[in-house]
Amino acid sequence: MLRGVVAEAGELLRSGYFRRKQVEFKGVIDLVTEYDRRIEEFLSQRLASLGLPIVGEESFEGEIPPSAIFIDPIDGTTNFVHQIPFCAISVAIWRDGLPVEGVVYNPITAEMFYAKRGEGALCNGEPIGVSQTDRLIEALIATGFPYAKIERGSEYHFVLRALERLLPVTRDIRRLGSAALDLCYVAAGRFDGFYEIGLKPWDTAAGLLIVQEAGGVVTNHLGEPYRFGDVIVASNGKIGNNLIELLAKG
């Protein structure tokens, strides 16, 4: 059911990708369009029959419940607005504090990543797995920059310190603008690792399960079990300790 509903929602994203959009600002640089709202409303209505609270980026306020459906209608809205094809719909089902099913779908590149707990991870129906890279200097790492960077506070300085430490000791660092897809690219072995500060639950709820089911590891930057609100660190498991060692320095 979940994959079919997300595929239908993907038609909405695809239909708006090349059109002029009504762009509004949730913050100084944080964008939202009518397609974000339309997709979230569509998914919320179609998934209401599952009987779980909806935690959607554009509508949810309050405490995060342990059992819920997490919806990011367009992860990478800035890319969507600028017609950069790295944007996706992310939907995850959590029960009792654990992810049980997740979908991340980019209808522009026609890639759907999917995982169900205990059943492995897929891309367009084919099994995927993390890379075997075991040296940080050979690793391609992804990251993202938080909206709070404009305040030049602790998150901004974390980003600068992390880049200073990692750039000289990795193959390179990529910043593509969608955390959900970054996580899926780790799961598919395209990236060897990913880290980011300042993400929301709907950014990571599906992607982290997809990484885990692909054989990867997801923690915070101290190597502890990841919880919503933490710095997220995802890797193939082979370069994870080296990545954490550098990120843990702040």
C-alpha atoms as a PDB file:
ATOM      1  CA  MET A   1       0.000   0.000   0.000  1.00  0.00           C
ATOM      2  CA  LEU A   2       2.614   2.534   1.078  1.00  0.00           C
ATOM      3  CA  ARG A   3       4.639   2.394  -2.122  1.00  0.00           C
ATOM      4  CA  GLY A   4       1.547   2.725  -4.281  1.00  0.00           C
ATOM      5  CA  VAL A   5       0.262   5.776  -2.423  1.00  0.00           C
ATOM      6  CA  VAL A   6       3.665   7.476  -2.530  1.00  0.00           C
ATOM      7  CA  ALA A   7       3.919   6.741  -6.266  1.00  0.00           C
ATOM      8  CA  GLU A   8       0.580   8.514  -6.768  1.00  0.00           C
ATOM      9  CA  ALA A   9       1.822  11.485  -4.744  1.00  0.00           C
ATOM     10  CA  GLY A  10       4.873  11.537  -6.970  1.00  0.00           C
ATOM     11  CA  GLU A  11       2.683  12.533  -9.875  1.00  0.00           C
ATOM     12  CA  LEU A  12       1.859  15.738  -8.016  1.00  0.00           C
ATOM     13  CA  LEU A  13       5.547  16.491  -7.475  1.00  0.00           C
ATOM     14  CA  ARG A  14       6.388  15.742 -11.098  1.00  0.00           C
ATOM     15  CA  SER A  15       3.523  17.892 -12.362  1.00  0.00           C
ATOM     16  CA  GLY A  16       4.805  20.913 -10.459  1.00  0.00           C
ATOM     17  CA  TYR A  17       8.502  20.474 -11.096  1.00  0.00           C
ATOM     18  CA  PHE A  18       8.655  22.437 -14.374  1.00  0.00           C
ATOM     19  CA  ARG A  19       5.827  24.850 -13.569  1.00  0.00           C
ATOM     20  CA  ARG A  20       5.907  28.267 -11.990  1.00  0.00           C
ATOM     21  CA  LYS A  21       5.305  27.850  -8.276  1.00  0.00           C
ATOM     22  CA  GLN A  22       3.811  29.905  -5.489  1.00  0.00           C
ATOM     23  CA  VAL A  23       6.814  30.202  -3.207  1.00  0.00           C
ATOM     24  CA  GLU A  24       6.429  31.314   0.388  1.00  0.00           C
ATOM     25  CA  PHE A  25       8.903  31.630   3.234  1.00  0.00           C
ATOM     26  CA  LYS A  26       8.591  29.681   6.485  1.00  0.00           C
ATOM     27  CA  GLY A  27      11.784  31.387   7.625  1.00  0.00           C
ATOM     28  CA  VAL A  28      14.380  33.730   6.194  1.00  0.00           C
ATOM     29  CA  ILE A  29      15.557  31.074   3.681  1.00  0.00           C
ATOM     30  CA  ASP A  30      13.224  28.122   4.372  1.00  0.00           C
ATOM     31  CA  LEU A  31      10.864  27.745   1.400  1.00  0.00           C
ATOM     32  CA  VAL A  32       7.446  26.126   0.995  1.00  0.00           C
ATOM     33  CA  THR A  33       5.271  25.788  -2.109  1.00  0.00           C
ATOM     34  CA  GLU A  34       1.668  24.875  -2.804  1.00  0.00           C
ATOM     35  CA  TYR A  35       2.957  21.465  -3.926  1.00  0.00           C
ATOM     36  CA  ASP A  36       4.442  20.760  -0.482  1.00  0.00           C
ATOM     37  CA  ARG A  37       1.008  21.368   1.020  1.00  0.00           C
ATOM     38  CA  ARG A  38      -0.945  19.510  -1.673  1.00  0.00           C
ATOM     39  CA  ILE A  39       1.256  16.423  -1.438  1.00  0.00           C
ATOM     40  CA  GLU A  40       1.101  16.342   2.355  1.00  0.00           C
ATOM     41  CA  GLU A  41      -2.685  16.705   2.299  1.00  0.00           C
ATOM     42  CA  PHE A  42      -3.001  13.941  -0.304  1.00  0.00           C
ATOM     43  CA  LEU A  43      -0.796  11.542   1.660  1.00  0.00           C
ATOM     44  CA  SER A  44      -2.481  12.353   4.966  1.00  0.00           C
ATOM     45  CA  GLN A  45      -5.896  11.565   3.533  1.00  0.00           C
ATOM     46  CA  ARG A  46      -4.805   8.370   1.791  1.00  0.00           C
ATOM     47  CA  LEU A  47      -2.926   7.019   4.816  1.00  0.00           C
ATOM     48  CA  ALA A  48      -5.500   7.976   7.453  1.00  0.00           C
ATOM     49  CA  SER A  49      -6.933   4.452   7.301  1.00  0.00           C
ATOM     50  CA  LEU A  50      -3.800   3.135   9.041  1.00  0.00           C
ATOM     51  CA  GLY A  51      -5.077   4.748  12.232  1.00  0.00           C
ATOM     52  CA  LEU A  52      -1.811   6.445  13.213  1.00  0.00           C
ATOM     53  CA  PRO A  53      -1.087  10.106  13.953  1.00  0.00           C
ATOM     54  CA  ILE A  54       0.266  12.038  10.974  1.00  0.00           C
ATOM     55  CA  VAL A  55       3.534  13.872  11.601  1.00  0.00           C
ATOM     56  CA  GLY A  56       3.879  16.041   8.501  1.00  0.00           C
ATOM     57  CA  GLU A  57       6.393  18.795   7.911  1.00  0.00           C
ATOM     58  CA  GLU A  58       3.847  21.390   6.866  1.00  0.00           C
ATOM     59  CA  SER A  59       1.148  20.727   9.451  1.00  0.00           C
ATOM     60  CA  PHE A  60       2.419  19.015  12.601  1.00  0.00           C
ATOM     61  CA  GLU A  61       2.919  20.769  15.918  1.00  0.00           C
ATOM     62  CA  GLY A  62       3.555  19.273  19.328  1.00  0.00           C
ATOM     63  CA  GLU A  63       5.298  16.239  20.831  1.00  0.00           C
ATOM     64  CA  ILE A  64       6.450  13.463  18.511  1.00  0.00           C
ATOM     65  CA  PRO A  65       4.417  10.303  19.271  1.00  0.00           C
ATOM     66  CA  PRO A  66       6.156   6.888  19.372  1.00  0.00           C
ATOM     67  CA  SER A  67       3.787   5.496  16.750  1.00  0.00           C
ATOM     68  CA  ALA A  68       3.116   7.711  13.738  1.00  0.00           C
ATOM     69  CA  ILE A  69       3.309   8.234   9.999  1.00  0.00           C
ATOM     70  CA  PHE A  70       6.099  10.666   9.174  1.00  0.00           C
ATOM     71  CA  ILE A  71       5.623  12.661   5.975  1.00  0.00           C
ATOM     72  CA  ASP A  72       8.044  14.987   4.236  1.00  0.00           C
ATOM     73  CA  PRO A  73       6.072  15.982   1.140  1.00  0.00           C
ATOM     74  CA  ILE A  74       9.100  17.414  -0.658  1.00  0.00           C
ATOM     75  CA  ASP A  75      12.481  16.877   0.930  1.00  0.00           C
ATOM     76  CA  GLY A  76      14.625  19.318  -0.992  1.00  0.00           C
ATOM     77  CA  THR A  77      12.063  22.050  -1.621  1.00  0.00           C
ATOM     78  CA  THR A  78      14.821  24.518  -2.556  1.00  0.00           C
ATOM     79  CA  ASN A  79      15.992  22.089  -5.244  1.00  0.00           C
ATOM     80  CA  PHE A  80      12.391  21.653  -6.384  1.00  0.00           C
ATOM     81  CA  VAL A  81      11.933  25.423  -6.722  1.00  0.00           C
ATOM     82  CA  HIS A  82      15.206  25.803  -8.647  1.00  0.00           C
ATOM     83  CA  GLN A  83      14.520  22.746 -10.859  1.00  0.00           C
ATOM     84  CA  ILE A  84      17.443  20.765  -9.471  1.00  0.00           C
ATOM     85  CA  PRO A  85      16.349  17.110  -9.687  1.00  0.00           C
ATOM     86  CA  PHE A  86      17.443  16.084  -6.179  1.00  0.00           C
ATOM     87  CA  CYS A  87      14.147  16.182  -4.311  1.00  0.00           C
ATOM     88  CA  ALA A  88      11.903  13.449  -2.963  1.00  0.00           C
ATOM     89  CA  ILE A  89       8.815  12.419  -1.054  1.00  0.00           C
ATOM     90  CA  SER A  90       9.680  10.658   2.199  1.00  0.00           C
ATOM     91  CA  VAL A  91       7.142   8.626   4.190  1.00  0.00           C
ATOM     92  CA  ALA A  92       7.779   6.312   7.133  1.00  0.00           C
ATOM     93  CA  ILE A  93       5.645   4.259   9.485  1.00  0.00           C
ATOM     94  CA  TRP A  94       6.890   3.994  13.073  1.00  0.00           C
ATOM     95  CA  ARG A  95       5.412   1.827  15.799  1.00  0.00           C
ATOM     96  CA  ASP A  96       6.433   1.967  19.462  1.00  0.00           C
ATOM     97  CA  GLY A  97       9.464   4.105  18.706  1.00  0.00           C
ATOM     98  CA  LEU A  98      10.829   1.936  15.901  1.00  0.00           C
ATOM     99  CA  PRO A  99      10.667   2.364  12.101  1.00  0.00           C
ATOM    100  CA  VAL A 100       8.823  -0.505  10.434  1.00  0.00           C
ATOM    101  CA  GLU A 101       8.418   0.702   6.836  1.00  0.00           C
ATOM    102  CA  GLY A 102       9.827   3.555   4.778  1.00  0.00           C
ATOM    103  CA  VAL A 103       9.674   4.962   1.255  1.00  0.00           C
ATOM    104  CA  VAL A 104      11.742   7.705  -0.353  1.00  0.00           C
ATOM    105  CA  TYR A 105      10.676   8.493  -3.906  1.00  0.00           C
ATOM    106  CA  ASN A 106      12.241  10.872  -6.410  1.00  0.00           C
ATOM    107  CA  PRO A 107       9.827  10.980  -9.356  1.00  0.00           C
ATOM    108  CA  ILE A 108      12.166  13.207 -11.373  1.00  0.00           C
ATOM    109  CA  THR A 109      14.853  10.514 -11.560  1.00  0.00           C
ATOM    110  CA  ALA A 110      12.249   7.730 -11.268  1.00  0.00           C
ATOM    111  CA  GLU A 111      13.901   6.097  -8.248  1.00  0.00           C
ATOM    112  CA  MET A 112      11.926   4.654  -5.359  1.00  0.00           C
ATOM    113  CA  PHE A 113      13.838   3.457  -2.304  1.00  0.00           C
ATOM    114  CA  TYR A 114      11.968   1.188   0.081  1.00  0.00           C
ATOM    115  CA  ALA A 115      12.542  -0.854   3.211  1.00  0.00           C
ATOM    116  CA  LYS A 116      10.477  -2.937   5.582  1.00  0.00           C
ATOM    117  CA  ARG A 117      11.977  -3.963   8.914  1.00  0.00           C
ATOM    118  CA  GLY A 118      13.717  -7.303   8.624  1.00  0.00           C
ATOM    119  CA  GLU A 119      13.215  -7.600   4.868  1.00  0.00           C
ATOM    120  CA  GLY A 120      16.130  -5.628   3.388  1.00  0.00           C
ATOM    121  CA  ALA A 121      16.226  -2.482   1.267  1.00  0.00           C
ATOM    122  CA  LEU A 122      15.254  -1.976  -2.371  1.00  0.00           C
ATOM    123  CA  CYS A 123      15.574   0.558  -5.161  1.00  0.00           C
ATOM    124  CA  ASN A 124      12.930   0.157  -7.856  1.00  0.00           C
ATOM    125  CA  GLY A 125      12.316  -3.352  -6.569  1.00  0.00           C
ATOM    126  CA  GLU A 126      15.951  -4.478  -6.703  1.00  0.00           C
ATOM    127  CA  PRO A 127      18.005  -5.203  -3.551  1.00  0.00           C
ATOM    128  CA  ILE A 128      20.585  -2.601  -2.549  1.00  0.00           C
ATOM    129  CA  GLY A 129      23.446  -2.629  -0.065  1.00  0.00           C
ATOM    130  CA  VAL A 130      26.005  -0.281   1.415  1.00  0.00           C
ATOM    131  CA  SER A 131      29.528   0.113   0.037  1.00  0.00           C
ATOM    132  CA  GLN A 132      32.581  -1.845   1.189  1.00  0.00           C
ATOM    133  CA  THR A 133      34.880   1.174   1.441  1.00  0.00           C
ATOM    134  CA  ASP A 134      36.982   0.799   4.573  1.00  0.00           C
ATOM    135  CA  ARG A 135      39.374   3.763   4.349  1.00  0.00           C
ATOM    136  CA  LEU A 136      38.168   7.280   5.076  1.00  0.00           C
ATOM    137  CA  ILE A 137      40.512   8.752   2.474  1.00  0.00           C
ATOM    138  CA  GLU A 138      38.658   6.695  -0.169  1.00  0.00           C
ATOM    139  CA  ALA A 139      35.202   7.595   1.163  1.00  0.00           C
ATOM    140  CA  LEU A 140      32.709   9.935  -0.486  1.00  0.00           C
ATOM    141  CA  ILE A 141      30.770  11.642   2.298  1.00  0.00           C
ATOM    142  CA  ALA A 142      27.518  13.598   2.073  1.00  0.00           C
ATOM    143  CA  THR A 143      26.321  16.349   4.370  1.00  0.00           C
ATOM    144  CA  GLY A 144      23.837  19.199   4.569  1.00  0.00           C
ATOM    145  CA  PHE A 145      23.685  22.693   6.014  1.00  0.00           C
ATOM    146  CA  PRO A 146      20.988  23.660   8.552  1.00  0.00           C
ATOM    147  CA  TYR A 147      18.684  26.626   8.023  1.00  0.00           C
ATOM    148  CA  ALA A 148      19.950  27.952  11.360  1.00  0.00           C
ATOM    149  CA  LYS A 149      23.298  28.704   9.697  1.00  0.00           C
ATOM    150  CA  ILE A 150      22.089  32.243   9.071  1.00  0.00           C
ATOM    151  CA  GLU A 151      22.224  32.839  12.842  1.00  0.00           C
ATOM    152  CA  ARG A 152      25.914  31.862  12.924  1.00  0.00           C
ATOM    153  CA  GLY A 153      25.338  29.963  16.148  1.00  0.00           C
ATOM    154  CA  SER A 154      26.390  26.512  17.365  1.00  0.00           C
ATOM    155  CA  GLU A 155      25.036  24.622  14.334  1.00  0.00           C
ATOM    156  CA  TYR A 156      26.864  26.940  11.942  1.00  0.00           C
ATOM    157  CA  HIS A 157      30.134  26.434  13.800  1.00  0.00           C
ATOM    158  CA  PHE A 158      29.618  22.651  13.921  1.00  0.00           C
ATOM    159  CA  VAL A 159      29.336  22.669  10.111  1.00  0.00           C
ATOM    160  CA  LEU A 160      32.537  24.665   9.673  1.00  0.00           C
ATOM    161  CA  ARG A 161      34.546  22.560  12.137  1.00  0.00           C
ATOM    162  CA  ALA A 162      33.306  19.302  10.588  1.00  0.00           C
ATOM    163  CA  LEU A 163      34.272  20.433   7.093  1.00  0.00           C
ATOM    164  CA  GLU A 164      37.675  21.570   8.295  1.00  0.00           C
ATOM    165  CA  ARG A 165      38.373  18.135   9.783  1.00  0.00           C
ATOM    166  CA  LEU A 166      36.849  15.951   7.074  1.00  0.00           C
ATOM    167  CA  LEU A 167      37.770  17.649   3.792  1.00  0.00           C
ATOM    168  CA  PRO A 168      41.493  16.821   3.948  1.00  0.00           C
ATOM    169  CA  VAL A 169      40.977  13.164   4.957  1.00  0.00           C
ATOM    170  CA  THR A 170      38.164  12.037   2.630  1.00  0.00           C
ATOM    171  CA  ARG A 171      37.880  11.556  -1.125  1.00  0.00           C
ATOM    172  CA  ASP A 172      35.405  14.439  -1.122  1.00  0.00           C
ATOM    173  CA  ILE A 173      32.245  15.826   0.435  1.00  0.00           C
ATOM    174  CA  ARG A 174      28.945  16.351  -1.361  1.00  0.00           C
ATOM    175  CA  ARG A 175      26.071  18.647  -0.363  1.00  0.00           C
ATOM    176  CA  LEU A 176      23.085  17.855  -2.605  1.00  0.00           C
ATOM    177  CA  GLY A 177      20.195  19.258  -0.569  1.00  0.00           C
ATOM    178  CA  SER A 178      17.963  16.335   0.446  1.00  0.00           C
ATOM    179  CA  ALA A 179      18.780  14.392   3.606  1.00  0.00           C
ATOM    180  CA  ALA A 180      16.275  11.655   2.755  1.00  0.00           C
ATOM    181  CA  LEU A 181      18.014  10.980  -0.559  1.00  0.00           C
ATOM    182  CA  ASP A 182      21.471  11.313   1.009  1.00  0.00           C
ATOM    183  CA  LEU A 183      20.542   8.474   3.361  1.00  0.00           C
ATOM    184  CA  CYS A 184      19.240   6.383   0.467  1.00  0.00           C
ATOM    185  CA  TYR A 185      22.462   6.991  -1.447  1.00  0.00           C
ATOM    186  CA  VAL A 186      24.381   5.613   1.537  1.00  0.00           C
ATOM    187  CA  ALA A 187      22.070   2.594   1.471  1.00  0.00           C
ATOM    188  CA  ALA A 188      22.734   2.097  -2.248  1.00  0.00           C
ATOM    189  CA  GLY A 189      26.523   2.373  -1.857  1.00  0.00           C
ATOM    190  CA  ARG A 190      26.798   5.653  -3.763  1.00  0.00           C
ATOM    191  CA  PHE A 191      27.904   7.535  -0.658  1.00  0.00           C
ATOM    192  CA  ASP A 192      30.016   5.838   1.993  1.00  0.00           C
ATOM    193  CA  GLY A 193      28.720   8.051   4.786  1.00  0.00           C
ATOM    194  CA  PHE A 194      26.474  10.967   5.634  1.00  0.00           C
ATOM    195  CA  TYR A 195      26.170  13.367   8.549  1.00  0.00           C
ATOM    196  CA  GLU A 196      24.051  16.416   9.266  1.00  0.00           C
ATOM    197  CA  ILE A 197      22.994  18.604  12.168  1.00  0.00           C
ATOM    198  CA  GLY A 198      19.603  20.257  12.645  1.00  0.00           C
ATOM    199  CA  LEU A 199      17.352  17.753  10.875  1.00  0.00           C
ATOM    200  CA  LYS A 200      13.694  17.119  11.720  1.00  0.00           C
ATOM    201  CA  PRO A 201      12.045  13.710  12.280  1.00  0.00           C
ATOM    202  CA  TRP A 202      10.375  13.696   8.841  1.00  0.00           C
ATOM    203  CA  ASP A 203      13.806  14.221   7.218  1.00  0.00           C
ATOM    204  CA  THR A 204      15.262  11.004   8.619  1.00  0.00           C
ATOM    205  CA  ALA A 205      12.374   8.704   9.594  1.00  0.00           C
ATOM    206  CA  ALA A 206      12.319   6.708   6.339  1.00  0.00           C
ATOM    207  CA  GLY A 207      15.936   7.013   5.235  1.00  0.00           C
ATOM    208  CA  LEU A 208      17.458   5.681   8.433  1.00  0.00           C
ATOM    209  CA  LEU A 209      15.480   2.435   8.130  1.00  0.00           C
ATOM    210  CA  ILE A 210      16.546   2.091   4.495  1.00  0.00           C
ATOM    211  CA  VAL A 211      20.208   2.466   5.537  1.00  0.00           C
ATOM    212  CA  GLN A 212      19.857  -0.086   8.320  1.00  0.00           C
ATOM    213  CA  GLU A 213      18.103  -2.604   6.103  1.00  0.00           C
ATOM    214  CA  ALA A 214      20.839  -2.139   3.485  1.00  0.00           C
ATOM    215  CA  GLY A 215      23.454  -3.195   6.045  1.00  0.00           C
ATOM    216  CA  GLY A 216      24.515   0.254   7.209  1.00  0.00           C
ATOM    217  CA  VAL A 217      24.769   1.830  10.638  1.00  0.00           C
ATOM    218  CA  VAL A 218      23.005   4.945  11.939  1.00  0.00           C
ATOM    219  CA  THR A 219      24.105   6.701  15.151  1.00  0.00           C
ATOM    220  CA  ASN A 220      24.599  10.202  16.435  1.00  0.00           C
ATOM    221  CA  HIS A 221      27.969  11.965  16.238  1.00  0.00           C
ATOM    222  CA  LEU A 222      29.030  10.449  19.560  1.00  0.00           C
ATOM    223  CA  GLY A 223      28.399   6.897  18.379  1.00  0.00           C
ATOM    224  CA  GLU A 224      25.236   6.559  20.462  1.00  0.00           C
ATOM    225  CA  PRO A 225      21.888   5.271  19.140  1.00  0.00           C
ATOM    226  CA  TYR A 226      20.320   7.969  16.975  1.00  0.00           C
ATOM    227  CA  ARG A 227      17.286   9.802  18.299  1.00  0.00           C
ATOM    228  CA  PHE A 228      15.274  12.494  16.547  1.00  0.00           C
ATOM    229  CA  GLY A 229      17.002  15.828  17.064  1.00  0.00           C
ATOM    230  CA  ASP A 230      20.516  14.382  17.241  1.00  0.00           C
ATOM    231  CA  VAL A 231      23.239  14.951  14.724  1.00  0.00           C
ATOM    232  CA  ILE A 232      22.726  11.987  12.395  1.00  0.00           C
ATOM    233  CA  VAL A 233      25.672   9.900  11.184  1.00  0.00           C
ATOM    234  CA  ALA A 234      24.990   7.117   8.685  1.00  0.00           C
ATOM    235  CA  SER A 235      27.668   4.937   7.152  1.00  0.00           C
ATOM    236  CA  ASN A 236      28.491   1.592   5.631  1.00  0.00           C
ATOM    237  CA  GLY A 237      29.742   0.547   9.070  1.00  0.00           C
ATOM    238  CA  LYS A 238      33.334   0.282   7.920  1.00  0.00           C
ATOM    239  CA  ILE A 239      34.270   3.965   8.039  1.00  0.00           C
ATOM    240  CA  GLY A 240      31.729   4.919  10.690  1.00  0.00           C
ATOM    241  CA  ASN A 241      34.079   4.910  13.678  1.00  0.00           C
ATOM    242  CA  ASN A 242      36.589   7.143  11.888  1.00  0.00           C
ATOM    243  CA  LEU A 243      33.808   9.505  10.860  1.00  0.00           C
ATOM    244  CA  ILE A 244      32.421   9.660  14.400  1.00  0.00           C
ATOM    245  CA  GLU A 245      35.872  10.228  15.880  1.00  0.00           C
ATOM    246  CA  LEU A 246      36.266  13.395  13.825  1.00  0.00           C
ATOM    247  CA  LEU A 247      32.695  14.635  14.299  1.00  0.00           C
ATOM    248  CA  ALA A 248      32.704  14.022  18.077  1.00  0.00           C
ATOM    249  CA  LYS A 249      35.304  16.747  18.507  1.00  0.00           C
ATOM    250  CA  GLY A 250      32.497  19.246  17.920  1.00  0.00           C
END
